[in-house]
Amino acid sequence: MSATDTTAASTCSVAGCDRSAVKRGWCSAHYMRNHRTGSPTGSVPRARLDIAGRRFGRLVATEPVAGAGWRCLCDCGRTRVARTADLTRGMVRECSHLGVAHGPLTDDQPGEG
């Protein structure tokens, strides 16, 4: 093999794994496990972001649900389950129940203050 050939086979750097390394010195399984949990061995789970009580538009996060979601209470009284990432990035801001528009968001919305 030449010095410019990058296809040289190397093994995963995780102890006991003899699969071919793909990225960062890990095989594809350990690379994806690192992506999901923050550790290539999966022994250190990522902490759930605690957003209980935080307001996102008309929604207030009330309790975590299975997966990466939160049950939220809308100012209109309805509840909605939304993903944490969608809430924190501003993608979800109201319950949008059956396409009903709530009107403009004002400072005197119920549940604020």
PDB file of N, CA and C in Angstrom:
ATOM      1  N   MET A   1       0.835  -1.186   0.000  1.00  0.00           N
ATOM      2  CA  MET A   1       0.000   0.000   0.000  1.00  0.00           C
ATOM      3  C   MET A   1       0.875   1.244   0.000  1.00  0.00           C
ATOM      4  N   SER A   2       0.400   2.265  -0.676  1.00  0.00           N
ATOM      5  CA  SER A   2       1.172   3.506  -0.732  1.00  0.00           C
ATOM      6  C   SER A   2       0.887   4.372   0.486  1.00  0.00           C
ATOM      7  N   ALA A   3       1.677   5.396   0.684  1.00  0.00           N
ATOM      8  CA  ALA A   3       1.510   6.289   1.833  1.00  0.00           C
ATOM      9  C   ALA A   3       0.231   7.094   1.722  1.00  0.00           C
ATOM     10  N   THR A   4      -0.305   7.265   0.525  1.00  0.00           N
ATOM     11  CA  THR A   4      -1.524   8.049   0.341  1.00  0.00           C
ATOM     12  C   THR A   4      -2.782   7.196   0.402  1.00  0.00           C
ATOM     13  N   ASP A   5      -2.636   5.895   0.495  1.00  0.00           N
ATOM     14  CA  ASP A   5      -3.786   4.993   0.560  1.00  0.00           C
ATOM     15  C   ASP A   5      -4.382   5.029   1.961  1.00  0.00           C
ATOM     16  N   THR A   6      -5.634   5.488   2.080  1.00  0.00           N
ATOM     17  CA  THR A   6      -6.277   5.617   3.392  1.00  0.00           C
ATOM     18  C   THR A   6      -7.181   4.446   3.702  1.00  0.00           C
ATOM     19  N   THR A   7      -7.166   3.413   2.885  1.00  0.00           N
ATOM     20  CA  THR A   7      -8.036   2.272   3.107  1.00  0.00           C
ATOM     21  C   THR A   7      -7.371   1.194   3.948  1.00  0.00           C
ATOM     22  N   ALA A   8      -6.254   1.518   4.564  1.00  0.00           N
ATOM     23  CA  ALA A   8      -5.560   0.536   5.398  1.00  0.00           C
ATOM     24  C   ALA A   8      -6.483   0.103   6.527  1.00  0.00           C
ATOM     25  N   ALA A   9      -6.604  -1.203   6.677  1.00  0.00           N
ATOM     26  CA  ALA A   9      -7.522  -1.741   7.681  1.00  0.00           C
ATOM     27  C   ALA A   9      -6.913  -1.600   9.070  1.00  0.00           C
ATOM     28  N   SER A  10      -7.683  -1.032   9.986  1.00  0.00           N
ATOM     29  CA  SER A  10      -7.272  -0.978  11.386  1.00  0.00           C
ATOM     30  C   SER A  10      -8.456  -1.493  12.190  1.00  0.00           C
ATOM     31  N   THR A  11      -8.190  -1.919  13.395  1.00  0.00           N
ATOM     32  CA  THR A  11      -9.272  -2.466  14.209  1.00  0.00           C
ATOM     33  C   THR A  11      -9.789  -1.423  15.183  1.00  0.00           C
ATOM     34  N   CYS A  12     -10.977  -1.668  15.664  1.00  0.00           N
ATOM     35  CA  CYS A  12     -11.648  -0.790  16.625  1.00  0.00           C
ATOM     36  C   CYS A  12     -10.784  -0.666  17.881  1.00  0.00           C
ATOM     37  N   SER A  13     -10.712   0.541  18.438  1.00  0.00           N
ATOM     38  CA  SER A  13      -9.865   0.769  19.608  1.00  0.00           C
ATOM     39  C   SER A  13     -10.524   0.357  20.927  1.00  0.00           C
ATOM     40  N   VAL A  14     -11.781  -0.085  20.891  1.00  0.00           N
ATOM     41  CA  VAL A  14     -12.453  -0.554  22.097  1.00  0.00           C
ATOM     42  C   VAL A  14     -11.940  -1.953  22.434  1.00  0.00           C
ATOM     43  N   ALA A  15     -11.561  -2.157  23.682  1.00  0.00           N
ATOM     44  CA  ALA A  15     -10.997  -3.439  24.118  1.00  0.00           C
ATOM     45  C   ALA A  15     -11.957  -4.589  23.822  1.00  0.00           C
ATOM     46  N   GLY A  16     -11.427  -5.637  23.205  1.00  0.00           N
ATOM     47  CA  GLY A  16     -12.214  -6.831  22.928  1.00  0.00           C
ATOM     48  C   GLY A  16     -12.974  -6.781  21.612  1.00  0.00           C
ATOM     49  N   CYS A  17     -12.905  -5.677  20.895  1.00  0.00           N
ATOM     50  CA  CYS A  17     -13.611  -5.564  19.615  1.00  0.00           C
ATOM     51  C   CYS A  17     -12.594  -5.715  18.494  1.00  0.00           C
ATOM     52  N   ASP A  18     -12.856  -6.644  17.572  1.00  0.00           N
ATOM     53  CA  ASP A  18     -11.906  -6.866  16.484  1.00  0.00           C
ATOM     54  C   ASP A  18     -12.464  -6.445  15.128  1.00  0.00           C
ATOM     55  N   ARG A  19     -13.536  -5.644  15.138  1.00  0.00           N
ATOM     56  CA  ARG A  19     -14.109  -5.154  13.881  1.00  0.00           C
ATOM     57  C   ARG A  19     -13.239  -4.044  13.298  1.00  0.00           C
ATOM     58  N   SER A  20     -13.428  -3.753  12.036  1.00  0.00           N
ATOM     59  CA  SER A  20     -12.670  -2.709  11.352  1.00  0.00           C
ATOM     60  C   SER A  20     -13.085  -1.332  11.862  1.00  0.00           C
ATOM     61  N   ALA A  21     -12.101  -0.468  12.076  1.00  0.00           N
ATOM     62  CA  ALA A  21     -12.374   0.897  12.519  1.00  0.00           C
ATOM     63  C   ALA A  21     -12.914   1.704  11.345  1.00  0.00           C
ATOM     64  N   VAL A  22     -13.923   2.516  11.627  1.00  0.00           N
ATOM     65  CA  VAL A  22     -14.552   3.332  10.594  1.00  0.00           C
ATOM     66  C   VAL A  22     -14.276   4.807  10.844  1.00  0.00           C
ATOM     67  N   LYS A  23     -14.632   5.295  12.033  1.00  0.00           N
ATOM     68  CA  LYS A  23     -14.435   6.698  12.395  1.00  0.00           C
ATOM     69  C   LYS A  23     -13.905   6.782  13.811  1.00  0.00           C
ATOM     70  N   ARG A  24     -13.050   7.771  14.035  1.00  0.00           N
ATOM     71  CA  ARG A  24     -12.477   8.031  15.352  1.00  0.00           C
ATOM     72  C   ARG A  24     -11.803   6.805  15.971  1.00  0.00           C
ATOM     73  N   GLY A  25     -11.443   5.859  15.172  1.00  0.00           N
ATOM     74  CA  GLY A  25     -10.797   4.663  15.667  1.00  0.00           C
ATOM     75  C   GLY A  25     -11.761   3.619  16.202  1.00  0.00           C
ATOM     76  N   TRP A  26     -13.050   3.800  15.966  1.00  0.00           N
ATOM     77  CA  TRP A  26     -14.074   2.859  16.434  1.00  0.00           C
ATOM     78  C   TRP A  26     -14.758   2.202  15.237  1.00  0.00           C
ATOM     79  N   CYS A  27     -15.307   1.015  15.461  1.00  0.00           N
ATOM     80  CA  CYS A  27     -16.132   0.378  14.438  1.00  0.00           C
ATOM     81  C   CYS A  27     -17.461   1.133  14.377  1.00  0.00           C
ATOM     82  N   SER A  28     -18.283   0.822  13.397  1.00  0.00           N
ATOM     83  CA  SER A  28     -19.546   1.556  13.235  1.00  0.00           C
ATOM     84  C   SER A  28     -20.476   1.378  14.438  1.00  0.00           C
ATOM     85  N   ALA A  29     -20.472   0.198  15.058  1.00  0.00           N
ATOM     86  CA  ALA A  29     -21.346  -0.040  16.216  1.00  0.00           C
ATOM     87  C   ALA A  29     -20.928   0.830  17.403  1.00  0.00           C
ATOM     88  N   HIS A  30     -19.620   0.895  17.683  1.00  0.00           N
ATOM     89  CA  HIS A  30     -19.156   1.709  18.810  1.00  0.00           C
ATOM     90  C   HIS A  30     -19.262   3.200  18.511  1.00  0.00           C
ATOM     91  N   TYR A  31     -19.078   3.578  17.246  1.00  0.00           N
ATOM     92  CA  TYR A  31     -19.240   4.979  16.863  1.00  0.00           C
ATOM     93  C   TYR A  31     -20.690   5.430  17.103  1.00  0.00           C
ATOM     94  N   MET A  32     -21.652   4.617  16.682  1.00  0.00           N
ATOM     95  CA  MET A  32     -23.070   4.972  16.873  1.00  0.00           C
ATOM     96  C   MET A  32     -23.453   4.927  18.352  1.00  0.00           C
ATOM     97  N   ARG A  33     -22.892   4.000  19.115  1.00  0.00           N
ATOM     98  CA  ARG A  33     -23.172   3.947  20.551  1.00  0.00           C
ATOM     99  C   ARG A  33     -22.645   5.216  21.228  1.00  0.00           C
ATOM    100  N   ASN A  34     -21.480   5.684  20.800  1.00  0.00           N
ATOM    101  CA  ASN A  34     -20.933   6.930  21.329  1.00  0.00           C
ATOM    102  C   ASN A  34     -21.857   8.102  20.975  1.00  0.00           C
ATOM    103  N   HIS A  35     -22.391   8.093  19.782  1.00  0.00           N
ATOM    104  CA  HIS A  35     -23.309   9.151  19.350  1.00  0.00           C
ATOM    105  C   HIS A  35     -24.577   9.170  20.209  1.00  0.00           C
ATOM    106  N   ARG A  36     -25.112   7.993  20.526  1.00  0.00           N
ATOM    107  CA  ARG A  36     -26.351   7.899  21.305  1.00  0.00           C
ATOM    108  C   ARG A  36     -26.155   8.153  22.789  1.00  0.00           C
ATOM    109  N   THR A  37     -25.069   7.641  23.358  1.00  0.00           N
ATOM    110  CA  THR A  37     -24.921   7.672  24.818  1.00  0.00           C
ATOM    111  C   THR A  37     -23.793   8.552  25.322  1.00  0.00           C
ATOM    112  N   GLY A  38     -22.901   8.969  24.430  1.00  0.00           N
ATOM    113  CA  GLY A  38     -21.760   9.760  24.861  1.00  0.00           C
ATOM    114  C   GLY A  38     -20.558   8.922  25.238  1.00  0.00           C
ATOM    115  N   SER A  39     -20.650   7.612  25.064  1.00  0.00           N
ATOM    116  CA  SER A  39     -19.542   6.706  25.368  1.00  0.00           C
ATOM    117  C   SER A  39     -19.560   5.556  24.368  1.00  0.00           C
ATOM    118  N   PRO A  40     -18.397   5.174  23.817  1.00  0.00           N
ATOM    119  CA  PRO A  40     -18.401   4.069  22.850  1.00  0.00           C
ATOM    120  C   PRO A  40     -18.778   2.731  23.480  1.00  0.00           C
ATOM    121  N   THR A  41     -18.662   2.617  24.801  1.00  0.00           N
ATOM    122  CA  THR A  41     -19.065   1.372  25.459  1.00  0.00           C
ATOM    123  C   THR A  41     -20.502   1.438  25.962  1.00  0.00           C
ATOM    124  N   GLY A  42     -21.110   2.602  25.901  1.00  0.00           N
ATOM    125  CA  GLY A  42     -22.504   2.753  26.298  1.00  0.00           C
ATOM    126  C   GLY A  42     -22.727   2.756  27.787  1.00  0.00           C
ATOM    127  N   SER A  43     -21.660   2.853  28.578  1.00  0.00           N
ATOM    128  CA  SER A  43     -21.814   2.765  30.029  1.00  0.00           C
ATOM    129  C   SER A  43     -22.176   4.095  30.678  1.00  0.00           C
ATOM    130  N   VAL A  44     -22.111   5.198  29.918  1.00  0.00           N
ATOM    131  CA  VAL A  44     -22.414   6.507  30.484  1.00  0.00           C
ATOM    132  C   VAL A  44     -23.581   7.106  29.710  1.00  0.00           C
ATOM    133  N   PRO A  45     -24.806   6.928  30.193  1.00  0.00           N
ATOM    134  CA  PRO A  45     -25.943   7.484  29.467  1.00  0.00           C
ATOM    135  C   PRO A  45     -25.967   9.006  29.564  1.00  0.00           C
ATOM    136  N   ARG A  46     -26.466   9.635  28.521  1.00  0.00           N
ATOM    137  CA  ARG A  46     -26.605  11.088  28.534  1.00  0.00           C
ATOM    138  C   ARG A  46     -27.715  11.473  29.502  1.00  0.00           C
ATOM    139  N   ALA A  47     -27.485  12.540  30.223  1.00  0.00           N
ATOM    140  CA  ALA A  47     -28.495  13.019  31.159  1.00  0.00           C
ATOM    141  C   ALA A  47     -29.621  13.703  30.388  1.00  0.00           C
ATOM    142  N   ARG A  48     -30.844  13.492  30.833  1.00  0.00           N
ATOM    143  CA  ARG A  48     -31.988  14.153  30.210  1.00  0.00           C
ATOM    144  C   ARG A  48     -31.960  15.621  30.606  1.00  0.00           C
ATOM    145  N   LEU A  49     -32.190  16.485  29.651  1.00  0.00           N
ATOM    146  CA  LEU A  49     -32.254  17.912  29.913  1.00  0.00           C
ATOM    147  C   LEU A  49     -33.508  18.188  30.733  1.00  0.00           C
ATOM    148  N   ASP A  50     -33.356  18.776  31.908  1.00  0.00           N
ATOM    149  CA  ASP A  50     -34.496  19.051  32.781  1.00  0.00           C
ATOM    150  C   ASP A  50     -35.090  20.401  32.430  1.00  0.00           C
ATOM    151  N   ILE A  51     -36.225  20.375  31.735  1.00  0.00           N
ATOM    152  CA  ILE A  51     -36.883  21.611  31.331  1.00  0.00           C
ATOM    153  C   ILE A  51     -38.232  21.784  32.025  1.00  0.00           C
ATOM    154  N   ALA A  52     -38.460  21.008  33.093  1.00  0.00           N
ATOM    155  CA  ALA A  52     -39.735  21.088  33.822  1.00  0.00           C
ATOM    156  C   ALA A  52     -39.964  22.519  34.294  1.00  0.00           C
ATOM    157  N   GLY A  53     -41.154  23.025  34.020  1.00  0.00           N
ATOM    158  CA  GLY A  53     -41.522  24.365  34.449  1.00  0.00           C
ATOM    159  C   GLY A  53     -41.122  25.469  33.488  1.00  0.00           C
ATOM    160  N   ARG A  54     -40.306  25.148  32.489  1.00  0.00           N
ATOM    161  CA  ARG A  54     -39.893  26.168  31.519  1.00  0.00           C
ATOM    162  C   ARG A  54     -40.983  26.408  30.499  1.00  0.00           C
ATOM    163  N   ARG A  55     -41.108  27.649  30.067  1.00  0.00           N
ATOM    164  CA  ARG A  55     -42.115  28.053  29.083  1.00  0.00           C
ATOM    165  C   ARG A  55     -41.494  28.110  27.697  1.00  0.00           C
ATOM    166  N   PHE A  56     -42.236  27.576  26.722  1.00  0.00           N
ATOM    167  CA  PHE A  56     -41.848  27.609  25.321  1.00  0.00           C
ATOM    168  C   PHE A  56     -43.048  28.131  24.543  1.00  0.00           C
ATOM    169  N   GLY A  57     -43.122  29.422  24.324  1.00  0.00           N
ATOM    170  CA  GLY A  57     -44.286  30.021  23.677  1.00  0.00           C
ATOM    171  C   GLY A  57     -45.489  29.904  24.603  1.00  0.00           C
ATOM    172  N   ARG A  58     -46.517  29.186  24.159  1.00  0.00           N
ATOM    173  CA  ARG A  58     -47.716  28.968  24.980  1.00  0.00           C
ATOM    174  C   ARG A  58     -47.657  27.679  25.783  1.00  0.00           C
ATOM    175  N   LEU A  59     -46.577  26.918  25.645  1.00  0.00           N
ATOM    176  CA  LEU A  59     -46.444  25.629  26.321  1.00  0.00           C
ATOM    177  C   LEU A  59     -45.539  25.728  27.540  1.00  0.00           C
ATOM    178  N   VAL A  60     -45.903  24.989  28.595  1.00  0.00           N
ATOM    179  CA  VAL A  60     -45.056  24.843  29.772  1.00  0.00           C
ATOM    180  C   VAL A  60     -44.780  23.361  29.934  1.00  0.00           C
ATOM    181  N   ALA A  61     -43.501  22.983  29.968  1.00  0.00           N
ATOM    182  CA  ALA A  61     -43.120  21.573  30.137  1.00  0.00           C
ATOM    183  C   ALA A  61     -43.475  21.138  31.556  1.00  0.00           C
ATOM    184  N   THR A  62     -44.253  20.055  31.686  1.00  0.00           N
ATOM    185  CA  THR A  62     -44.712  19.622  33.008  1.00  0.00           C
ATOM    186  C   THR A  62     -44.040  18.346  33.497  1.00  0.00           C
ATOM    187  N   GLU A  63     -43.882  17.343  32.619  1.00  0.00           N
ATOM    188  CA  GLU A  63     -43.274  16.085  33.057  1.00  0.00           C
ATOM    189  C   GLU A  63     -42.660  15.353  31.870  1.00  0.00           C
ATOM    190  N   PRO A  64     -41.567  14.613  32.128  1.00  0.00           N
ATOM    191  CA  PRO A  64     -40.956  13.851  31.037  1.00  0.00           C
ATOM    192  C   PRO A  64     -41.807  12.635  30.690  1.00  0.00           C
ATOM    193  N   VAL A  65     -41.748  12.235  29.431  1.00  0.00           N
ATOM    194  CA  VAL A  65     -42.420  11.022  28.977  1.00  0.00           C
ATOM    195  C   VAL A  65     -41.361  10.106  28.380  1.00  0.00           C
ATOM    196  N   ALA A  66     -41.735   8.888  28.075  1.00  0.00           N
ATOM    197  CA  ALA A  66     -40.787   7.910  27.528  1.00  0.00           C
ATOM    198  C   ALA A  66     -40.116   8.467  26.280  1.00  0.00           C
ATOM    199  N   GLY A  67     -38.862   8.143  26.110  1.00  0.00           N
ATOM    200  CA  GLY A  67     -38.112   8.651  24.975  1.00  0.00           C
ATOM    201  C   GLY A  67     -37.522  10.003  25.297  1.00  0.00           C
ATOM    202  N   ALA A  68     -37.529  10.881  24.333  1.00  0.00           N
ATOM    203  CA  ALA A  68     -36.928  12.198  24.519  1.00  0.00           C
ATOM    204  C   ALA A  68     -37.985  13.288  24.508  1.00  0.00           C
ATOM    205  N   GLY A  69     -39.129  13.018  25.118  1.00  0.00           N
ATOM    206  CA  GLY A  69     -40.221  13.978  25.066  1.00  0.00           C
ATOM    207  C   GLY A  69     -40.667  14.485  26.414  1.00  0.00           C
ATOM    208  N   TRP A  70     -41.523  15.505  26.361  1.00  0.00           N
ATOM    209  CA  TRP A  70     -42.103  16.110  27.563  1.00  0.00           C
ATOM    210  C   TRP A  70     -43.585  16.338  27.350  1.00  0.00           C
ATOM    211  N   ARG A  71     -44.357  16.116  28.406  1.00  0.00           N
ATOM    212  CA  ARG A  71     -45.768  16.477  28.380  1.00  0.00           C
ATOM    213  C   ARG A  71     -45.829  17.960  28.717  1.00  0.00           C
ATOM    214  N   CYS A  72     -46.537  18.703  27.890  1.00  0.00           N
ATOM    215  CA  CYS A  72     -46.603  20.151  28.050  1.00  0.00           C
ATOM    216  C   CYS A  72     -48.045  20.597  28.192  1.00  0.00           C
ATOM    217  N   LEU A  73     -48.256  21.637  28.959  1.00  0.00           N
ATOM    218  CA  LEU A  73     -49.574  22.232  29.154  1.00  0.00           C
ATOM    219  C   LEU A  73     -49.618  23.539  28.385  1.00  0.00           C
ATOM    220  N   CYS A  74     -50.618  23.659  27.522  1.00  0.00           N
ATOM    221  CA  CYS A  74     -50.794  24.869  26.724  1.00  0.00           C
ATOM    222  C   CYS A  74     -51.612  25.872  27.531  1.00  0.00           C
ATOM    223  N   ASP A  75     -51.485  27.149  27.219  1.00  0.00           N
ATOM    224  CA  ASP A  75     -52.263  28.180  27.900  1.00  0.00           C
ATOM    225  C   ASP A  75     -53.765  27.985  27.710  1.00  0.00           C
ATOM    226  N   CYS A  76     -54.174  27.302  26.643  1.00  0.00           N
ATOM    227  CA  CYS A  76     -55.597  27.074  26.397  1.00  0.00           C
ATOM    228  C   CYS A  76     -56.135  25.932  27.259  1.00  0.00           C
ATOM    229  N   GLY A  77     -55.247  25.196  27.973  1.00  0.00           N
ATOM    230  CA  GLY A  77     -55.677  24.112  28.855  1.00  0.00           C
ATOM    231  C   GLY A  77     -55.441  22.726  28.307  1.00  0.00           C
ATOM    232  N   ARG A  78     -55.123  22.610  27.025  1.00  0.00           N
ATOM    233  CA  ARG A  78     -54.865  21.304  26.428  1.00  0.00           C
ATOM    234  C   ARG A  78     -53.430  20.874  26.721  1.00  0.00           C
ATOM    235  N   THR A  79     -53.177  19.557  26.621  1.00  0.00           N
ATOM    236  CA  THR A  79     -51.819  19.051  26.791  1.00  0.00           C
ATOM    237  C   THR A  79     -51.301  18.538  25.462  1.00  0.00           C
ATOM    238  N   ARG A  80     -50.004  18.492  25.365  1.00  0.00           N
ATOM    239  CA  ARG A  80     -49.356  17.999  24.160  1.00  0.00           C
ATOM    240  C   ARG A  80     -48.025  17.380  24.558  1.00  0.00           C
ATOM    241  N   VAL A  81     -47.627  16.315  23.871  1.00  0.00           N
ATOM    242  CA  VAL A  81     -46.307  15.726  24.063  1.00  0.00           C
ATOM    243  C   VAL A  81     -45.433  16.237  22.925  1.00  0.00           C
ATOM    244  N   ALA A  82     -44.257  16.755  23.288  1.00  0.00           N
ATOM    245  CA  ALA A  82     -43.326  17.280  22.290  1.00  0.00           C
ATOM    246  C   ALA A  82     -41.918  16.834  22.625  1.00  0.00           C
ATOM    247  N   ARG A  83     -41.097  16.679  21.602  1.00  0.00           N
ATOM    248  CA  ARG A  83     -39.701  16.317  21.805  1.00  0.00           C
ATOM    249  C   ARG A  83     -38.935  17.475  22.419  1.00  0.00           C
ATOM    250  N   THR A  84     -37.967  17.164  23.268  1.00  0.00           N
ATOM    251  CA  THR A  84     -37.160  18.183  23.921  1.00  0.00           C
ATOM    252  C   THR A  84     -36.481  19.080  22.900  1.00  0.00           C
ATOM    253  N   ALA A  85     -35.903  18.495  21.876  1.00  0.00           N
ATOM    254  CA  ALA A  85     -35.196  19.269  20.862  1.00  0.00           C
ATOM    255  C   ALA A  85     -36.136  20.229  20.147  1.00  0.00           C
ATOM    256  N   ASP A  86     -37.363  19.796  19.850  1.00  0.00           N
ATOM    257  CA  ASP A  86     -38.316  20.665  19.173  1.00  0.00           C
ATOM    258  C   ASP A  86     -38.713  21.847  20.052  1.00  0.00           C
ATOM    259  N   LEU A  87     -38.842  21.609  21.349  1.00  0.00           N
ATOM    260  CA  LEU A  87     -39.177  22.697  22.270  1.00  0.00           C
ATOM    261  C   LEU A  87     -38.029  23.692  22.393  1.00  0.00           C
ATOM    262  N   THR A  88     -36.830  23.192  22.641  1.00  0.00           N
ATOM    263  CA  THR A  88     -35.699  24.085  22.892  1.00  0.00           C
ATOM    264  C   THR A  88     -35.263  24.838  21.640  1.00  0.00           C
ATOM    265  N   ARG A  89     -35.546  24.301  20.468  1.00  0.00           N
ATOM    266  CA  ARG A  89     -35.182  24.981  19.219  1.00  0.00           C
ATOM    267  C   ARG A  89     -36.285  25.887  18.695  1.00  0.00           C
ATOM    268  N   GLY A  90     -37.425  25.939  19.399  1.00  0.00           N
ATOM    269  CA  GLY A  90     -38.504  26.821  18.986  1.00  0.00           C
ATOM    270  C   GLY A  90     -39.387  26.270  17.891  1.00  0.00           C
ATOM    271  N   MET A  91     -39.279  24.969  17.597  1.00  0.00           N
ATOM    272  CA  MET A  91     -40.086  24.365  16.540  1.00  0.00           C
ATOM    273  C   MET A  91     -41.530  24.143  16.993  1.00  0.00           C
ATOM    274  N   VAL A  92     -41.735  23.967  18.311  1.00  0.00           N
ATOM    275  CA  VAL A  92     -43.067  23.757  18.870  1.00  0.00           C
ATOM    276  C   VAL A  92     -43.306  24.833  19.917  1.00  0.00           C
ATOM    277  N   ARG A  93     -44.394  25.597  19.754  1.00  0.00           N
ATOM    278  CA  ARG A  93     -44.670  26.695  20.671  1.00  0.00           C
ATOM    279  C   ARG A  93     -46.111  26.715  21.183  1.00  0.00           C
ATOM    280  N   GLU A  94     -46.966  25.841  20.643  1.00  0.00           N
ATOM    281  CA  GLU A  94     -48.355  25.766  21.092  1.00  0.00           C
ATOM    282  C   GLU A  94     -48.902  24.381  20.820  1.00  0.00           C
ATOM    283  N   CYS A  95     -50.118  24.115  21.316  1.00  0.00           N
ATOM    284  CA  CYS A  95     -50.670  22.769  21.160  1.00  0.00           C
ATOM    285  C   CYS A  95     -51.161  22.512  19.743  1.00  0.00           C
ATOM    286  N   SER A  96     -51.581  23.555  19.020  1.00  0.00           N
ATOM    287  CA  SER A  96     -52.074  23.432  17.644  1.00  0.00           C
ATOM    288  C   SER A  96     -53.180  22.394  17.543  1.00  0.00           C
ATOM    289  N   HIS A  97     -54.037  22.347  18.535  1.00  0.00           N
ATOM    290  CA  HIS A  97     -55.112  21.359  18.594  1.00  0.00           C
ATOM    291  C   HIS A  97     -56.072  21.532  17.420  1.00  0.00           C
ATOM    292  N   LEU A  98     -56.105  20.542  16.549  1.00  0.00           N
ATOM    293  CA  LEU A  98     -56.978  20.509  15.384  1.00  0.00           C
ATOM    294  C   LEU A  98     -56.838  21.744  14.507  1.00  0.00           C
ATOM    295  N   GLY A  99     -55.663  22.345  14.487  1.00  0.00           N
ATOM    296  CA  GLY A  99     -55.419  23.492  13.622  1.00  0.00           C
ATOM    297  C   GLY A  99     -56.057  24.778  14.105  1.00  0.00           C
ATOM    298  N   VAL A 100     -56.520  24.836  15.351  1.00  0.00           N
ATOM    299  CA  VAL A 100     -57.161  26.040  15.872  1.00  0.00           C
ATOM    300  C   VAL A 100     -56.087  27.094  16.136  1.00  0.00           C
ATOM    301  N   ALA A 101     -56.252  28.245  15.572  1.00  0.00           N
ATOM    302  CA  ALA A 101     -55.298  29.325  15.801  1.00  0.00           C
ATOM    303  C   ALA A 101     -55.623  30.004  17.129  1.00  0.00           C
ATOM    304  N   HIS A 102     -54.588  30.312  17.901  1.00  0.00           N
ATOM    305  CA  HIS A 102     -54.770  30.934  19.201  1.00  0.00           C
ATOM    306  C   HIS A 102     -54.772  32.452  19.137  1.00  0.00           C
ATOM    307  N   GLY A 103     -54.365  33.020  18.041  1.00  0.00           N
ATOM    308  CA  GLY A 103     -54.226  34.467  17.968  1.00  0.00           C
ATOM    309  C   GLY A 103     -52.837  34.877  18.415  1.00  0.00           C
ATOM    310  N   PRO A 104     -52.574  36.184  18.431  1.00  0.00           N
ATOM    311  CA  PRO A 104     -51.228  36.637  18.778  1.00  0.00           C
ATOM    312  C   PRO A 104     -50.881  36.371  20.237  1.00  0.00           C
ATOM    313  N   LEU A 105     -49.617  36.107  20.483  1.00  0.00           N
ATOM    314  CA  LEU A 105     -49.124  35.886  21.834  1.00  0.00           C
ATOM    315  C   LEU A 105     -48.951  37.238  22.510  1.00  0.00           C
ATOM    316  N   THR A 106     -49.637  37.446  23.629  1.00  0.00           N
ATOM    317  CA  THR A 106     -49.559  38.722  24.337  1.00  0.00           C
ATOM    318  C   THR A 106     -49.062  38.505  25.739  1.00  0.00           C
ATOM    319  N   ASP A 107     -48.749  39.591  26.451  1.00  0.00           N
ATOM    320  CA  ASP A 107     -48.229  39.497  27.805  1.00  0.00           C
ATOM    321  C   ASP A 107     -49.287  39.074  28.808  1.00  0.00           C
ATOM    322  N   ASP A 108     -50.576  39.189  28.483  1.00  0.00           N
ATOM    323  CA  ASP A 108     -51.613  38.841  29.456  1.00  0.00           C
ATOM    324  C   ASP A 108     -52.204  37.455  29.208  1.00  0.00           C
ATOM    325  N   GLN A 109     -51.379  36.543  28.640  1.00  0.00           N
ATOM    326  CA  GLN A 109     -51.854  35.175  28.422  1.00  0.00           C
ATOM    327  C   GLN A 109     -52.046  34.466  29.757  1.00  0.00           C
ATOM    328  N   PRO A 110     -53.093  33.636  29.906  1.00  0.00           N
ATOM    329  CA  PRO A 110     -53.279  32.901  31.157  1.00  0.00           C
ATOM    330  C   PRO A 110     -52.104  31.993  31.443  1.00  0.00           C
ATOM    331  N   GLY A 111     -51.769  31.874  32.683  1.00  0.00           N
ATOM    332  CA  GLY A 111     -50.702  30.970  33.095  1.00  0.00           C
ATOM    333  C   GLY A 111     -49.344  31.623  33.143  1.00  0.00           C
ATOM    334  N   GLU A 112     -49.245  32.842  32.721  1.00  0.00           N
ATOM    335  CA  GLU A 112     -47.962  33.532  32.789  1.00  0.00           C
ATOM    336  C   GLU A 112     -47.902  34.397  34.030  1.00  0.00           C
ATOM    337  N   GLY A 113     -46.701  34.590  34.521  1.00  0.00           N
ATOM    338  CA  GLY A 113     -46.509  35.528  35.638  1.00  0.00           C
ATOM    339  C   GLY A 113     -46.593  34.879  36.899  1.00  0.00           C
TER     340      GLY A 113
END
